[in-house]
Every structure is written in C-alpha cells, then in structure tokens.
Amino acid sequence: MSESENQDVTVSDVESLPVAKINAVKRGWWVWVIPGCAMAFAVVLVVIYVVRTGPVVTVKFGEGHGVAVGDVVRCLGIEVGKVEEVKLIDGLKRVEVVIRLDPEAKELARQGSRFWVVKPRVGITGVSGLETVIGPRYIKVLPGDGQEMWEFEGLDEEPVILDARHDGLEIKLTAMQRGSLRRGSPVLYRQTQIGVVTRVGLAGDSSSVEAVANIRPEYVNLVRVKSVFWNVSGFEIRFGLREGLQFDVASLESLLEGGVAMATPPDAGEKVSAGHVFDVAVKAKKEWLEWRSAIGIGGAGLPGHVVMPEMVRLTVRREEGAILKREVFYKGWGLVTKAGLIGPAELLKSKDKGATLEVLGKKYQLSDQTVAKVGEREELSLMNLLLEDVTAWEEGKIRKMEGPEAEDCVVVSGEGRSPIALAARKLKSGGTFYDVDRAVNFGSDMSGAAVLSVKDGAVV
C-alpha cells in the first residue's frame, strides 16, 4: 500500500473493524478431584506406614557378640523385631544397637524390659543358643511393665531369672570362701529350690566373699531374721557299722554346680527386707535339719500371712467324631472348696456319655455329677465333688472386686508354677468381667487358674 493510500484511512474505518470479545473461563469443581484423590491417597499411605511400623528402641551393650543389621529380636520364641543399625559409641568402647519392634510388640518398649545377645551355652540347667553356632546371632528380650522407655542397657549375659514379671526378694550372703556360691547355683529349702544365686564377688575390702541370692516370690515368707544358710556343694560320704555306706546329695544341681541351703526355726522372727545379710556356714548343724517349722507360703506380692490355694489339675476325656471316634483330652485347673470343686464350665458341664473327669488320680463320670453355675457368668461351674486329699479353700475368702476400679492381683495355678502378676492397669472392666491386656502372657493351659487379690489374698 502506498503512502497516499495510508493517508486515506479514517477513524470511522478503524471503528468499523471487528472487536474480539473476551470471556472468563469457568472451571468446575471436578478439576480438583485428581489432586484431592492424590493427596488423600498419600495421607492413607502415611497412616498405614505409621500403623504398621513399630517403635524404635536403642540398646547399648558392652560387646556386640556378632550382632549384625537384619538379625531378629525374639520374645518367648516369637520374632518381635529386627536390628536396623549397629555402631560403636563412647570412644569405640561400647556398641549401640537400634531395633525396630513390630507394632504388636510395642509393649516391650517399657521400663524393666531386658535385652541380651543369645550365645551358645551349656550347663546343668540345660543347653541353649546352639543354633547361633553356625547361624546368625539374635537378641532376646523379656518384657517389663513400667513406663514407656526407648533406651535400654543391654545385659552381657543371659539373666539367671527368666521371669520378668517378678524378681522376688534379694538377700545378701557372705562367706569366708567362695565354695558353692556360684552364679546360677540353687537356693534350697528342704531340698526344694526356692531361689537362685544371681551374683558372686569379693567384698569391697576383700575380707570375704559376697553373693546376692534371689528368693522366688512364693517363698519369700520362709526367709526370716533367724533363718540359717549353709554350703551344700558336692556330696558327703558316711560309713557306719549299723548304717553302712551312705551318700548325701542335696540335689543334682548342687552336686554339679554347687548350691546353698537354708532352714528356718519355729521361732522364726520377723520377715526380712531386701538386702538383709546372712552368713553362710560350711555345713549344717544337726538341729537345723530337724526343725519342723510350719510357715505359710505367700504369693507374689501377697501379704506375708496369706497362704495360696492348692490348685488341682483337671483332665476331661471324651470321644468325638460321628463315624471315626477319637479320644480327646481337655485340661484346666480347679479350686477345691468345702462346697465342692470350682472349675471351667467347658470342662465340668460336659454331659457326653462316657466323658470322664480325672483329678488327683481318680476318675469320675461327668454325667453322674451335679453341676451349678458360679456367680453371674457362665464360664465357671461348681461340681458337687469333695476331695479329701486337698485343703479346701474357705468360702469366705471368695469375693467380687470391690468398687468400679480393678485391683492388683496374682494368677495362681499349680505344679510348682510361679504366680503371675496381674496389675490393675492391665485389667479393663466389662461389667461382670474383666478383659486382660494382651501383653500379659498366661500360656495355653491356664483355664481355671485362681485370681487372688494382692490386698487381702481373697479369690476374686
């Protein structure tokens, strides 16, 4: 276009040109669906990770004993975690092991839990840890019941006492020579083990040997201020014209590993507190062996005057199967009272023809026995069966828990088993019953065991 033509364009010509119309684009809510879903999915993944990932605890050892990343952690034979990190600390003098526990094992992260590295061990009490000779090491843990805790001091050796629920009564023993005082040696009362020696060493001024012994909770009441202790290591040989050749051995354990025995006179005196010191004699005096003191044996944490009930093992035999008959055994515990035998209803209420109950070596046809309900629930039954060989539990010492709050208790079975602590905080009221925290391990054959209140020793 020439210059003259450009000059002919007027304002009216410009105004007649088309004008573009701009409209704002409206975006619907759906454009946020994809980002919102992505964010929600990310939150779900985080929650799942947190829920499925257990806590991390740190355990410090004096020596690593070959522990490596990936090694497992076990409690009661079950894998409960893995080692995530192993490193030297404190100027290369100690080892720190970082452990990731499984979510269901988070209760192990509590004060009182004990960790140690399992190593091969052979002794009179058994053989353990042999799988670590050619296989990987692993860490073992016993649960505590204190407050939440994330840092622990590991044990250099396997603890002598493997029951972390109760540590019993610790007393101190002194002797001029070490003799039978060895770590792991039994403490005997009437040739029955009631405790164990946990530590041995020289006194601070080296004038004597000092040992620490732990008395099992149910036998604490036997240890009084006038109790005496003596060495029972090895065996004694005596020869007489009338008696002939005689051997005296307190127990197999004391023969091979040494041991210490105790006796308590009829005028026993007061109970002792933790740390009480006793001298260990070289041998027992004749009168010590003739003492016939009658002292009630209390339970773990129970008052000293309380005597635990004498539980009896119940075994029910019955046939099952429509065509192919097979004999099936069910076991539990029973409490003998003056009114009869109290036990699990699932055992005592069987009316199957041929079902028999075995208790104390005798058999009873269940279909011939009269059974009644105990209390408000259906789980316990009372059988009209009187057992003369067992001391009956007084009916006045059976009661309900008082008030809405649970009480500290112990669970008692039989066959020499130690009572199991059942703290009130481990019980949750369900109205006419109490749920027990899953962290409390009773074992698979505790049905019918008695629950005693720590307050007064009554069955609740």
Protein backbone atom coordinates (compact mmCIF):
# COMPACT_ATOMS: atom_id res chain seq x y z
CA MET A 1 0.00 0.00 0.00
CA SER A 2 1.35 3.40 -0.96
CA GLU A 3 1.80 6.34 1.33
CA SER A 4 -1.14 8.17 -0.26
CA GLU A 5 -3.44 5.22 0.39
CA ASN A 6 -2.47 5.12 4.10
CA GLN A 7 -3.46 8.71 4.43
CA ASP A 8 -6.98 7.92 3.15
CA VAL A 9 -7.80 5.62 6.21
CA THR A 10 -10.16 7.47 8.52
CA VAL A 11 -11.25 6.99 12.17
CA SER A 12 -14.57 5.65 11.03
CA ASP A 13 -12.79 2.93 9.13
CA VAL A 14 -10.99 1.80 12.30
CA GLU A 15 -14.12 1.77 14.40
CA SER A 16 -15.82 -0.45 11.85
CA LEU A 17 -13.27 -3.23 12.36
CA PRO A 18 -14.47 -6.35 14.41
CA VAL A 19 -13.60 -6.36 18.12
CA ALA A 20 -12.63 -9.61 19.98
CA LYS A 21 -14.84 -10.49 22.95
CA ILE A 22 -13.00 -11.95 25.98
CA ASN A 23 -14.99 -14.26 28.28
CA ALA A 24 -13.59 -15.66 31.60
CA VAL A 25 -13.40 -19.46 31.56
CA LYS A 26 -15.41 -21.03 34.41
CA ARG A 27 -13.65 -24.09 35.90
CA GLY A 28 -15.82 -26.67 37.64
CA TRP A 29 -15.08 -28.37 40.98
CA TRP A 30 -14.14 -31.56 39.14
CA VAL A 31 -10.72 -30.15 38.23
CA TRP A 32 -9.72 -30.63 41.91
CA VAL A 33 -10.77 -34.28 42.08
CA ILE A 34 -7.50 -35.73 40.83
CA PRO A 35 -5.20 -33.63 43.10
CA GLY A 36 -7.55 -34.28 46.05
CA CYS A 37 -7.52 -38.01 45.46
CA ALA A 38 -3.74 -37.99 45.18
CA MET A 39 -3.43 -36.13 48.47
CA ALA A 40 -5.88 -38.45 50.24
CA PHE A 41 -4.01 -41.48 48.89
CA ALA A 42 -0.73 -40.05 50.21
CA VAL A 43 -2.29 -39.50 53.66
CA VAL A 44 -3.59 -43.09 53.68
CA LEU A 45 -0.14 -44.40 52.81
CA VAL A 46 1.41 -42.37 55.64
CA VAL A 47 -1.20 -43.64 58.12
CA ILE A 48 -0.68 -47.24 57.01
CA TYR A 49 3.08 -46.85 57.37
CA VAL A 50 2.74 -45.40 60.85
CA VAL A 51 0.28 -48.08 61.96
CA ARG A 52 2.28 -50.95 60.51
CA THR A 53 5.63 -49.67 61.68
CA GLY A 54 6.52 -50.33 65.28
CA PRO A 55 8.60 -48.17 67.61
CA VAL A 56 12.38 -47.87 67.54
CA VAL A 57 14.40 -48.64 70.67
CA THR A 58 18.12 -48.31 71.32
CA VAL A 59 20.05 -50.89 73.33
CA LYS A 60 23.64 -50.36 74.46
CA PHE A 61 25.92 -53.36 75.01
CA GLY A 62 29.44 -53.76 76.32
CA GLU A 63 30.16 -56.07 73.38
CA GLY A 64 28.34 -56.81 70.13
CA HIS A 65 28.88 -60.60 70.08
CA GLY A 66 28.49 -60.65 66.30
CA VAL A 67 25.11 -58.93 66.03
CA ALA A 68 24.50 -57.51 62.54
CA VAL A 69 21.87 -55.48 60.72
CA GLY A 70 18.90 -57.68 59.87
CA ASP A 71 19.27 -60.01 62.86
CA VAL A 72 15.98 -60.75 64.59
CA VAL A 73 14.74 -59.95 68.08
CA ARG A 74 12.71 -62.62 69.87
CA CYS A 75 10.42 -62.72 72.89
CA LEU A 76 9.16 -66.09 74.18
CA GLY A 77 10.45 -67.68 70.98
CA ILE A 78 8.48 -65.33 68.69
CA GLU A 79 10.09 -62.79 66.35
CA VAL A 80 9.14 -59.31 67.55
CA GLY A 81 11.55 -57.05 65.68
CA LYS A 82 14.78 -56.63 63.71
CA VAL A 83 18.11 -54.90 64.09
CA GLU A 84 18.27 -51.79 61.90
CA GLU A 85 21.67 -50.36 62.87
CA VAL A 86 24.80 -51.37 64.78
CA LYS A 87 27.55 -48.88 65.62
CA LEU A 88 30.38 -48.19 68.05
CA ILE A 89 29.91 -45.42 70.62
CA ASP A 90 31.69 -43.90 73.64
CA GLY A 91 35.09 -43.76 72.00
CA LEU A 92 34.84 -47.24 70.46
CA LYS A 93 34.28 -48.78 73.90
CA ARG A 94 30.62 -49.80 73.59
CA VAL A 95 28.12 -50.97 70.98
CA GLU A 96 24.77 -49.37 70.22
CA VAL A 97 22.08 -51.47 68.55
CA VAL A 98 19.00 -49.82 67.03
CA ILE A 99 15.97 -52.14 66.95
CA ARG A 100 12.69 -51.70 65.10
CA LEU A 101 9.97 -53.53 67.05
CA ASP A 102 6.87 -54.93 65.38
CA PRO A 103 3.67 -52.91 66.02
CA GLU A 104 2.12 -55.69 68.11
CA ALA A 105 5.29 -55.79 70.25
CA LYS A 106 5.24 -52.11 71.21
CA GLU A 107 4.60 -53.07 74.87
CA LEU A 108 8.21 -54.28 75.02
CA ALA A 109 9.33 -50.65 74.94
CA ARG A 110 8.77 -50.28 78.67
CA GLN A 111 10.95 -49.81 81.70
CA GLY A 112 12.06 -53.15 83.08
CA SER A 113 12.45 -54.91 79.71
CA ARG A 114 15.73 -56.77 79.45
CA PHE A 115 17.72 -57.34 76.24
CA TRP A 116 20.69 -59.64 75.69
CA VAL A 117 22.50 -61.34 72.82
CA VAL A 118 21.92 -65.10 72.69
CA LYS A 119 25.15 -67.11 72.65
CA PRO A 120 25.83 -70.85 72.86
CA ARG A 121 25.57 -72.03 76.46
CA VAL A 122 25.89 -75.48 78.02
CA GLY A 123 25.20 -76.07 81.70
CA ILE A 124 23.46 -78.31 84.20
CA THR A 125 20.25 -76.33 83.79
CA GLY A 126 20.18 -77.03 80.07
CA VAL A 127 21.60 -76.28 76.65
CA SER A 128 20.67 -73.06 74.91
CA GLY A 129 21.69 -70.91 71.98
CA LEU A 130 23.30 -73.74 69.98
CA GLU A 131 21.56 -72.51 66.81
CA THR A 132 23.86 -69.46 66.93
CA VAL A 133 26.98 -71.62 66.49
CA ILE A 134 26.51 -71.84 62.71
CA GLY A 135 23.57 -69.44 62.28
CA PRO A 136 23.17 -65.71 62.88
CA ARG A 137 23.05 -64.21 66.33
CA TYR A 138 19.78 -62.88 67.67
CA ILE A 139 18.66 -60.70 70.55
CA LYS A 140 16.27 -61.93 73.20
CA VAL A 141 14.03 -59.71 75.30
CA LEU A 142 11.97 -60.19 78.44
CA PRO A 143 9.10 -57.70 78.82
CA GLY A 144 8.93 -55.14 81.59
CA ASP A 145 5.83 -53.47 82.96
CA GLY A 146 6.99 -49.92 83.72
CA GLN A 147 6.60 -46.65 81.88
CA GLU A 148 7.34 -46.25 78.18
CA MET A 149 11.07 -46.25 77.51
CA TRP A 150 13.16 -46.05 74.34
CA GLU A 151 16.76 -46.52 75.54
CA PHE A 152 17.99 -49.62 77.37
CA GLU A 153 21.19 -51.02 78.85
CA GLY A 154 21.71 -54.49 77.40
CA LEU A 155 22.82 -57.44 79.54
CA ASP A 156 26.21 -59.01 78.89
CA GLU A 157 24.88 -62.44 79.89
CA GLU A 158 21.56 -64.20 79.92
CA PRO A 159 19.75 -63.34 83.16
CA VAL A 160 19.61 -66.07 85.76
CA ILE A 161 15.98 -65.20 86.47
CA LEU A 162 13.95 -65.51 83.29
CA ASP A 163 10.66 -64.41 84.82
CA ALA A 164 10.47 -60.68 84.31
CA ARG A 165 7.08 -60.38 85.97
CA HIS A 166 8.52 -60.68 89.49
CA ASP A 167 12.04 -60.55 90.84
CA GLY A 168 11.28 -61.85 94.31
CA LEU A 169 13.36 -60.95 97.38
CA GLU A 170 17.07 -60.17 97.05
CA ILE A 171 19.24 -61.04 100.04
CA LYS A 172 23.00 -60.91 100.55
CA LEU A 173 25.09 -63.95 101.55
CA THR A 174 28.61 -63.73 102.94
CA ALA A 175 31.19 -66.50 103.33
CA MET A 176 34.91 -66.80 104.06
CA GLN A 177 35.42 -68.89 100.90
CA ARG A 178 33.52 -68.96 97.65
CA GLY A 179 32.74 -72.67 97.98
CA SER A 180 29.32 -73.41 96.49
CA LEU A 181 28.46 -69.78 95.78
CA ARG A 182 28.31 -69.57 92.00
CA ARG A 183 26.13 -67.60 89.64
CA GLY A 184 23.11 -69.76 88.89
CA SER A 185 23.52 -72.04 91.92
CA PRO A 186 20.21 -73.05 93.55
CA VAL A 187 18.99 -71.93 96.96
CA LEU A 188 17.31 -74.93 98.61
CA TYR A 189 14.74 -75.33 101.37
CA ARG A 190 14.08 -78.95 102.37
CA GLN A 191 15.88 -79.93 99.14
CA THR A 192 13.38 -77.87 97.11
CA GLN A 193 14.69 -74.97 95.07
CA ILE A 194 13.24 -71.69 96.30
CA GLY A 195 15.69 -69.27 94.70
CA VAL A 196 18.93 -68.79 92.83
CA VAL A 197 22.29 -67.08 93.29
CA THR A 198 22.49 -64.19 90.83
CA ARG A 199 25.86 -62.54 91.58
CA VAL A 200 29.11 -63.51 93.34
CA GLY A 201 32.25 -61.49 94.06
CA LEU A 202 34.69 -60.30 96.68
CA ALA A 203 33.56 -57.85 99.33
CA GLY A 204 34.68 -54.26 98.96
CA ASP A 205 37.53 -54.78 101.45
CA SER A 206 38.30 -58.31 100.12
CA SER A 207 37.79 -59.76 103.61
CA SER A 208 35.05 -62.15 102.46
CA VAL A 209 33.01 -63.36 99.52
CA GLU A 210 29.64 -61.73 98.92
CA ALA A 211 26.78 -63.15 96.88
CA VAL A 212 23.31 -61.94 96.00
CA ALA A 213 20.52 -64.52 96.06
CA ASN A 214 17.02 -64.04 94.71
CA ILE A 215 14.20 -65.86 96.52
CA ARG A 216 11.17 -66.66 94.38
CA PRO A 217 8.08 -64.61 95.29
CA GLU A 218 6.01 -67.51 96.58
CA TYR A 219 8.77 -68.49 99.05
CA VAL A 220 9.65 -65.03 100.39
CA ASN A 221 7.73 -65.72 103.60
CA LEU A 222 10.19 -68.51 104.51
CA VAL A 223 13.13 -66.12 104.90
CA ARG A 224 13.16 -64.71 108.44
CA VAL A 225 15.72 -62.95 110.61
CA LYS A 226 16.64 -66.27 112.32
CA SER A 227 17.00 -68.26 109.09
CA VAL A 228 20.34 -70.00 108.56
CA PHE A 229 22.27 -70.86 105.38
CA TRP A 230 24.99 -73.41 104.67
CA ASN A 231 27.07 -74.84 101.86
CA VAL A 232 25.66 -77.96 100.16
CA SER A 233 28.12 -78.37 97.28
CA GLY A 234 29.31 -81.80 96.29
CA PHE A 235 28.26 -84.83 98.33
CA GLU A 236 29.06 -86.35 101.69
CA ILE A 237 30.03 -89.99 102.26
CA ARG A 238 29.44 -91.63 105.64
CA PHE A 239 30.20 -95.17 106.77
CA GLY A 240 28.97 -96.84 109.93
CA LEU A 241 28.64 -100.39 111.20
CA ARG A 242 24.88 -100.05 111.54
CA GLU A 243 24.03 -97.67 108.68
CA GLY A 244 26.58 -98.96 106.19
CA LEU A 245 27.80 -96.71 103.36
CA GLN A 246 25.65 -93.59 102.86
CA PHE A 247 25.73 -90.72 100.35
CA ASP A 248 24.17 -87.33 100.98
CA VAL A 249 23.42 -85.18 97.93
CA ALA A 250 21.00 -82.26 98.26
CA SER A 251 20.24 -82.17 94.54
CA LEU A 252 21.79 -82.90 91.16
CA GLU A 253 22.25 -79.17 90.60
CA SER A 254 24.12 -78.73 93.86
CA LEU A 255 26.31 -81.75 93.04
CA LEU A 256 27.49 -80.32 89.73
CA GLU A 257 27.17 -76.56 90.18
CA GLY A 258 27.16 -76.10 93.92
CA GLY A 259 24.38 -74.61 95.99
CA VAL A 260 23.31 -73.18 99.30
CA ALA A 261 20.60 -74.49 101.60
CA MET A 262 18.55 -72.70 104.22
CA ALA A 263 16.37 -73.56 107.19
CA THR A 264 14.12 -71.51 109.44
CA PRO A 265 13.47 -72.34 113.12
CA PRO A 266 9.98 -72.47 114.69
CA ASP A 267 10.65 -69.12 116.40
CA ALA A 268 11.45 -67.64 113.01
CA GLY A 269 11.26 -63.96 113.91
CA GLU A 270 10.23 -61.18 111.58
CA LYS A 271 10.39 -61.27 107.80
CA VAL A 272 13.45 -59.66 106.28
CA SER A 273 13.58 -56.80 103.80
CA ALA A 274 15.60 -56.63 100.59
CA GLY A 275 19.36 -56.52 101.18
CA HIS A 276 19.35 -58.40 104.51
CA VAL A 277 22.71 -60.08 105.13
CA PHE A 278 23.13 -63.75 106.13
CA ASP A 279 26.32 -65.69 106.87
CA VAL A 280 26.85 -68.99 105.05
CA ALA A 281 28.08 -71.82 107.27
CA VAL A 282 30.42 -74.50 105.96
CA LYS A 283 27.95 -77.25 106.86
CA ALA A 284 24.59 -77.63 108.59
CA LYS A 285 24.21 -78.31 112.28
CA LYS A 286 22.17 -81.37 113.21
CA GLU A 287 19.38 -79.35 114.86
CA TRP A 288 18.92 -77.25 111.73
CA LEU A 289 17.90 -80.34 109.78
CA GLU A 290 15.39 -81.31 112.47
CA TRP A 291 13.45 -78.04 112.52
CA ARG A 292 9.81 -78.57 111.51
CA SER A 293 8.62 -75.00 111.12
CA ALA A 294 5.12 -74.50 109.70
CA ILE A 295 5.21 -71.26 107.71
CA GLY A 296 2.57 -70.23 105.21
CA ILE A 297 3.85 -69.73 101.68
CA GLY A 298 2.53 -66.50 100.20
CA GLY A 299 2.29 -65.50 96.56
CA ALA A 300 3.99 -62.83 94.51
CA GLY A 301 3.26 -59.52 96.16
CA LEU A 302 0.72 -61.06 98.56
CA PRO A 303 0.68 -60.28 102.28
CA GLY A 304 3.05 -62.48 104.26
CA HIS A 305 0.30 -64.24 106.23
CA VAL A 306 -1.56 -65.30 103.07
CA VAL A 307 -1.45 -68.93 102.00
CA MET A 308 -2.06 -69.61 98.32
CA PRO A 309 -4.80 -72.06 97.34
CA GLU A 310 -3.84 -75.60 96.44
CA MET A 311 -4.96 -75.87 92.82
CA VAL A 312 -5.66 -79.28 91.25
CA ARG A 313 -5.20 -80.31 87.64
CA LEU A 314 -8.41 -81.25 85.81
CA THR A 315 -8.35 -83.53 82.77
CA VAL A 316 -11.51 -84.36 80.83
CA ARG A 317 -11.53 -87.28 78.40
CA ARG A 318 -14.33 -87.70 75.89
CA GLU A 319 -14.91 -89.22 72.47
CA GLU A 320 -15.54 -87.01 69.46
CA GLY A 321 -16.44 -87.75 65.84
CA ALA A 322 -19.60 -89.03 64.21
CA ILE A 323 -18.14 -92.04 62.41
CA LEU A 324 -14.47 -92.29 63.33
CA LYS A 325 -14.35 -91.96 67.10
CA ARG A 326 -11.28 -90.46 68.71
CA GLU A 327 -10.46 -89.73 72.33
CA VAL A 328 -9.82 -86.06 73.08
CA PHE A 329 -8.22 -84.56 76.20
CA TYR A 330 -9.05 -81.16 77.69
CA LYS A 331 -7.13 -79.70 80.65
CA GLY A 332 -7.65 -76.92 83.15
CA TRP A 333 -7.35 -76.04 86.85
CA GLY A 334 -9.77 -76.46 89.72
CA LEU A 335 -10.20 -74.87 93.15
CA VAL A 336 -11.33 -77.18 95.95
CA THR A 337 -13.83 -75.60 98.39
CA LYS A 338 -15.98 -77.03 101.16
CA ALA A 339 -18.97 -76.71 98.83
CA GLY A 340 -17.32 -78.62 96.02
CA LEU A 341 -14.94 -78.25 93.09
CA ILE A 342 -14.90 -74.95 91.16
CA GLY A 343 -13.56 -75.13 87.62
CA PRO A 344 -14.12 -74.09 83.98
CA ALA A 345 -17.67 -74.80 82.83
CA GLU A 346 -16.36 -76.05 79.49
CA LEU A 347 -14.80 -78.95 81.39
CA LEU A 348 -17.22 -79.70 84.22
CA LYS A 349 -20.55 -79.28 82.38
CA SER A 350 -19.92 -81.94 79.75
CA LYS A 351 -22.82 -84.40 79.66
CA ASP A 352 -21.43 -86.54 76.87
CA LYS A 353 -21.90 -90.21 77.56
CA GLY A 354 -18.58 -91.67 78.56
CA ALA A 355 -16.94 -88.30 79.35
CA THR A 356 -14.75 -88.66 82.43
CA LEU A 357 -13.02 -86.23 84.74
CA GLU A 358 -9.59 -87.16 86.10
CA VAL A 359 -8.39 -85.36 89.21
CA LEU A 360 -5.73 -86.48 91.71
CA GLY A 361 -5.50 -89.89 90.06
CA LYS A 362 -9.23 -90.65 90.32
CA LYS A 363 -11.87 -90.78 87.58
CA TYR A 364 -15.45 -89.50 87.74
CA GLN A 365 -18.26 -89.83 85.19
CA LEU A 366 -19.29 -86.26 84.37
CA SER A 367 -22.84 -87.32 83.51
CA ASP A 368 -23.29 -88.50 87.12
CA GLN A 369 -22.16 -85.23 88.72
CA THR A 370 -24.34 -82.31 89.81
CA VAL A 371 -23.01 -79.02 88.41
CA ALA A 372 -24.19 -75.48 89.22
CA LYS A 373 -23.28 -72.04 87.88
CA VAL A 374 -20.87 -69.84 89.84
CA GLY A 375 -21.68 -66.13 90.01
CA GLU A 376 -23.35 -64.15 87.24
CA ARG A 377 -21.46 -65.58 84.28
CA GLU A 378 -21.44 -68.99 82.66
CA GLU A 379 -17.69 -69.62 82.49
CA LEU A 380 -17.29 -71.15 85.97
CA SER A 381 -19.12 -74.12 87.44
CA LEU A 382 -19.35 -75.76 90.88
CA MET A 383 -19.32 -79.55 90.93
CA ASN A 384 -20.64 -81.41 93.96
CA LEU A 385 -17.37 -83.23 94.43
CA LEU A 386 -15.42 -83.24 97.69
CA LEU A 387 -11.70 -84.10 97.59
CA GLU A 388 -10.32 -85.13 100.97
CA ASP A 389 -6.66 -85.07 99.92
CA VAL A 390 -6.65 -81.29 99.34
CA THR A 391 -7.07 -78.48 101.85
CA ALA A 392 -10.38 -76.81 100.97
CA TRP A 393 -10.37 -73.08 100.30
CA GLU A 394 -12.60 -71.11 102.64
CA GLU A 395 -15.79 -69.81 101.01
CA GLY A 396 -15.43 -66.58 102.97
CA LYS A 397 -12.24 -65.86 101.03
CA ILE A 398 -14.05 -65.72 97.67
CA ARG A 399 -15.48 -62.33 96.71
CA LYS A 400 -16.10 -59.84 93.93
CA MET A 401 -13.73 -56.98 93.25
CA GLU A 402 -14.75 -54.01 95.35
CA GLY A 403 -15.76 -50.82 93.55
CA PRO A 404 -15.53 -49.93 89.86
CA GLU A 405 -11.73 -49.98 89.78
CA ALA A 406 -9.74 -53.18 89.28
CA GLU A 407 -7.32 -54.45 91.95
CA ASP A 408 -3.73 -55.63 91.72
CA CYS A 409 -3.87 -59.43 91.54
CA VAL A 410 -1.80 -62.55 91.02
CA VAL A 411 -2.81 -65.61 89.00
CA VAL A 412 -2.16 -68.96 90.69
CA SER A 413 -2.16 -72.39 89.07
CA GLY A 414 -0.26 -75.44 90.29
CA GLU A 415 2.52 -77.98 89.68
CA GLY A 416 5.11 -75.66 91.22
CA ARG A 417 4.46 -72.81 88.80
CA SER A 418 5.21 -69.29 89.97
CA PRO A 419 2.28 -66.90 90.38
CA ILE A 420 1.80 -64.41 87.53
CA ALA A 421 1.42 -60.73 88.39
CA LEU A 422 -1.71 -59.04 87.08
CA ALA A 423 -1.54 -55.29 87.73
CA ALA A 424 -4.80 -53.34 87.97
CA ARG A 425 -3.84 -51.25 84.95
CA LYS A 426 -3.75 -54.45 82.88
CA LEU A 427 -7.46 -55.05 83.59
CA LYS A 428 -10.36 -53.35 81.83
CA SER A 429 -13.83 -53.70 83.31
CA GLY A 430 -16.52 -55.14 81.06
CA GLY A 431 -19.35 -55.04 83.58
CA THR A 432 -19.49 -58.54 85.04
CA PHE A 433 -16.00 -59.48 83.82
CA TYR A 434 -12.55 -58.00 83.16
CA ASP A 435 -10.56 -58.04 79.94
CA VAL A 436 -6.85 -58.71 80.39
CA ASP A 437 -4.23 -56.79 78.44
CA ARG A 438 -2.82 -58.92 75.64
CA ALA A 439 0.71 -58.09 76.81
CA VAL A 440 0.15 -60.44 79.79
CA ASN A 441 1.20 -63.94 78.74
CA PHE A 442 -0.60 -66.74 80.58
CA GLY A 443 0.25 -69.69 78.39
CA SER A 444 -2.18 -72.08 76.73
CA ASP A 445 -3.23 -74.18 79.74
CA MET A 446 -4.23 -71.64 82.41
CA SER A 447 -8.01 -72.07 82.13
CA GLY A 448 -9.50 -72.20 85.61
CA ALA A 449 -6.47 -70.70 87.39
CA ALA A 450 -7.33 -68.75 90.54
CA VAL A 451 -7.01 -64.94 90.66
CA LEU A 452 -6.03 -63.63 94.10
CA SER A 453 -6.26 -60.03 95.25
CA VAL A 454 -2.97 -58.61 96.48
CA LYS A 455 -4.89 -56.58 99.08
CA ASP A 456 -6.17 -59.46 101.18
CA GLY A 457 -5.37 -62.73 99.36
CA ALA A 458 -9.03 -63.48 98.53
CA VAL A 459 -10.02 -65.23 95.31
CA VAL A 460 -11.82 -62.67 93.15
